Amino acid sequence: QVQLVDSGGGSVQPGGSLRLSCAASRNTYSRYCMGWFRQPPGKERDWVATVYTRDSRTHYTGYADSVQDRFTIPKGNAKNKVYLQMNSLKPENTAIYYCSAVPCMTVVQALAIIEGTRAGSVKWNDWGQGTQVTVSS
């Protein structure tokens, strides 16, 4: 089990940017796939992005179609940190954003988890408390 703390949310105007942070209680390199999910007001929680970091220079990512090319997970973070860089934010991106983790120790496993999460067939184990993102003019 890993403890996660999300932070970095806030209010921003449409077109703006935010960078969310997730601090894990242990090293996540080659041990965990880390995911970002969000829950808009009155809706179900859905998947945003997943990363598997093998080392400081190598990571594998997957993104939901709705955020592709606007949201990215940067490389080269500390071993217990994951970020979500969100650019060109839209009002429909307003949600509580959650960091999550699932054990994941190989690239093959990571790619299966990325695609399985996209299909809604992966159960994520550990969750942060969430951080609110509001996009409004």
Protein backbone atom coordinates (compact mmCIF):
# COMPACT_ATOMS: atom_id res chain seq x y z
CA GLN A 1 0.00 0.00 0.00
CA VAL A 2 1.19 3.52 -0.73
CA GLN A 3 -0.10 6.78 0.75
CA LEU A 4 -0.72 9.62 -1.70
CA VAL A 5 -1.17 13.34 -1.19
CA ASP A 6 -2.56 15.47 -4.02
CA SER A 7 -2.01 19.20 -4.31
CA GLY A 8 -1.84 22.06 -6.79
CA GLY A 9 -5.48 22.61 -7.60
CA GLY A 10 -7.08 26.03 -7.78
CA SER A 11 -9.15 28.39 -9.87
CA VAL A 12 -8.07 29.43 -13.34
CA GLN A 13 -9.59 31.13 -16.35
CA PRO A 14 -10.27 29.21 -19.57
CA GLY A 15 -7.06 28.79 -21.51
CA GLY A 16 -4.98 28.87 -18.37
CA SER A 17 -2.66 26.27 -16.88
CA LEU A 18 -2.23 24.40 -13.63
CA ARG A 19 0.28 21.84 -12.42
CA LEU A 20 -0.98 19.19 -10.04
CA SER A 21 1.36 17.29 -7.75
CA CYS A 22 1.15 13.88 -6.16
CA ALA A 23 3.50 12.91 -3.36
CA ALA A 24 3.80 9.21 -2.64
CA SER A 25 4.99 7.67 0.61
CA ARG A 26 7.53 5.54 -1.23
CA ASN A 27 9.59 5.29 -4.40
CA THR A 28 7.34 4.68 -7.40
CA TYR A 29 10.01 4.04 -10.05
CA SER A 30 9.56 0.53 -11.49
CA ARG A 31 7.15 -0.31 -8.68
CA TYR A 32 3.88 1.48 -9.34
CA CYS A 33 1.86 2.78 -12.22
CA MET A 34 0.59 6.20 -11.22
CA GLY A 35 -2.68 7.51 -12.49
CA TRP A 36 -4.65 10.73 -12.54
CA PHE A 37 -8.43 10.62 -12.43
CA ARG A 38 -11.08 13.29 -12.06
CA GLN A 39 -14.66 13.59 -10.90
CA PRO A 40 -16.66 16.47 -12.37
CA PRO A 41 -19.60 17.81 -10.36
CA GLY A 42 -22.49 15.34 -10.44
CA LYS A 43 -20.61 12.82 -12.57
CA GLU A 44 -18.67 9.60 -12.20
CA ARG A 45 -14.93 9.60 -11.72
CA ASP A 46 -13.07 9.05 -14.98
CA TRP A 47 -9.53 8.44 -16.08
CA VAL A 48 -7.21 11.23 -17.20
CA ALA A 49 -3.68 9.82 -17.54
CA THR A 50 -1.30 7.08 -16.44
CA VAL A 51 2.46 6.91 -16.15
CA TYR A 52 4.96 4.16 -15.50
CA THR A 53 8.44 5.47 -14.72
CA ARG A 54 11.28 3.03 -15.18
CA ASP A 55 14.04 5.54 -14.42
CA SER A 56 14.63 9.29 -14.52
CA ARG A 57 14.84 9.32 -18.31
CA THR A 58 12.32 6.67 -19.30
CA HIS A 59 8.63 6.65 -18.74
CA TYR A 60 5.54 5.38 -20.50
CA THR A 61 2.33 7.37 -20.55
CA GLY A 62 -1.25 7.13 -21.70
CA TYR A 63 -3.85 9.88 -21.87
CA ALA A 64 -7.59 10.05 -22.27
CA ASP A 65 -8.58 11.35 -25.70
CA SER A 66 -10.21 14.42 -24.18
CA VAL A 67 -6.91 15.66 -22.70
CA GLN A 68 -4.41 14.38 -25.25
CA ASP A 69 -2.06 17.19 -26.35
CA ARG A 70 -3.17 19.49 -23.54
CA PHE A 71 -2.23 17.52 -20.43
CA THR A 72 1.18 15.93 -19.89
CA ILE A 73 3.02 14.05 -17.17
CA PRO A 74 6.58 15.45 -17.09
CA LYS A 75 9.67 13.24 -16.91
CA GLY A 76 12.53 13.41 -14.50
CA ASN A 77 10.64 13.87 -11.26
CA ALA A 78 11.73 12.79 -7.82
CA LYS A 79 11.11 9.09 -7.27
CA ASN A 80 8.10 9.72 -5.06
CA LYS A 81 6.52 12.56 -7.05
CA VAL A 82 4.20 12.64 -10.05
CA TYR A 83 2.90 15.76 -11.72
CA LEU A 84 0.12 16.54 -14.15
CA GLN A 85 0.72 19.62 -16.27
CA MET A 86 -2.63 20.90 -17.54
CA ASN A 87 -2.62 23.49 -20.33
CA SER A 88 -5.38 25.14 -22.34
CA LEU A 89 -7.87 24.39 -19.60
CA LYS A 90 -11.57 24.42 -20.42
CA PRO A 91 -14.61 24.89 -18.15
CA GLU A 92 -15.46 21.21 -18.65
CA ASN A 93 -12.16 20.31 -16.98
CA THR A 94 -13.62 21.53 -13.67
CA ALA A 95 -13.44 18.56 -11.30
CA ILE A 96 -11.80 17.08 -8.26
CA TYR A 97 -8.57 15.48 -9.47
CA TYR A 98 -7.21 12.39 -7.77
CA CYS A 99 -3.85 10.69 -7.90
CA SER A 100 -3.85 6.92 -7.71
CA ALA A 101 -1.39 4.02 -7.72
CA VAL A 102 -1.39 0.35 -8.64
CA PRO A 103 1.54 -2.10 -8.39
CA CYS A 104 3.31 -2.24 -11.71
CA MET A 105 6.88 -3.48 -12.17
CA THR A 106 7.51 -4.04 -15.87
CA VAL A 107 6.92 -2.17 -19.10
CA VAL A 108 4.69 -4.98 -20.39
CA GLN A 109 2.58 -4.78 -17.25
CA ALA A 110 2.45 -0.99 -17.47
CA LEU A 111 1.24 -0.98 -21.06
CA ALA A 112 -1.46 -3.50 -20.15
CA ILE A 113 -2.54 -1.33 -17.23
CA ILE A 114 -2.65 1.78 -19.41
CA GLU A 115 -4.87 0.11 -21.99
CA GLY A 116 -6.89 -1.71 -19.36
CA THR A 117 -7.58 1.55 -17.55
CA ARG A 118 -8.64 3.14 -20.80
CA ALA A 119 -11.12 0.28 -21.18
CA GLY A 120 -12.27 0.55 -17.58
CA SER A 121 -11.09 -2.92 -16.57
CA VAL A 122 -8.32 -2.10 -14.06
CA LYS A 123 -8.96 -1.65 -10.36
CA TRP A 124 -6.72 1.03 -8.88
CA ASN A 125 -5.69 0.38 -5.30
CA ASP A 126 -4.59 3.54 -3.54
CA TRP A 127 -5.95 7.08 -3.80
CA GLY A 128 -5.05 10.60 -2.80
CA GLN A 129 -7.56 12.86 -1.10
CA GLY A 130 -8.21 14.88 -4.26
CA THR A 131 -7.56 18.48 -5.26
CA GLN A 132 -10.19 20.81 -6.69
CA VAL A 133 -9.67 22.37 -10.12
CA THR A 134 -12.11 25.08 -11.20
CA VAL A 135 -11.97 26.59 -14.68
CA SER A 136 -14.21 29.61 -14.99
CA SER A 137 -14.23 33.12 -16.37
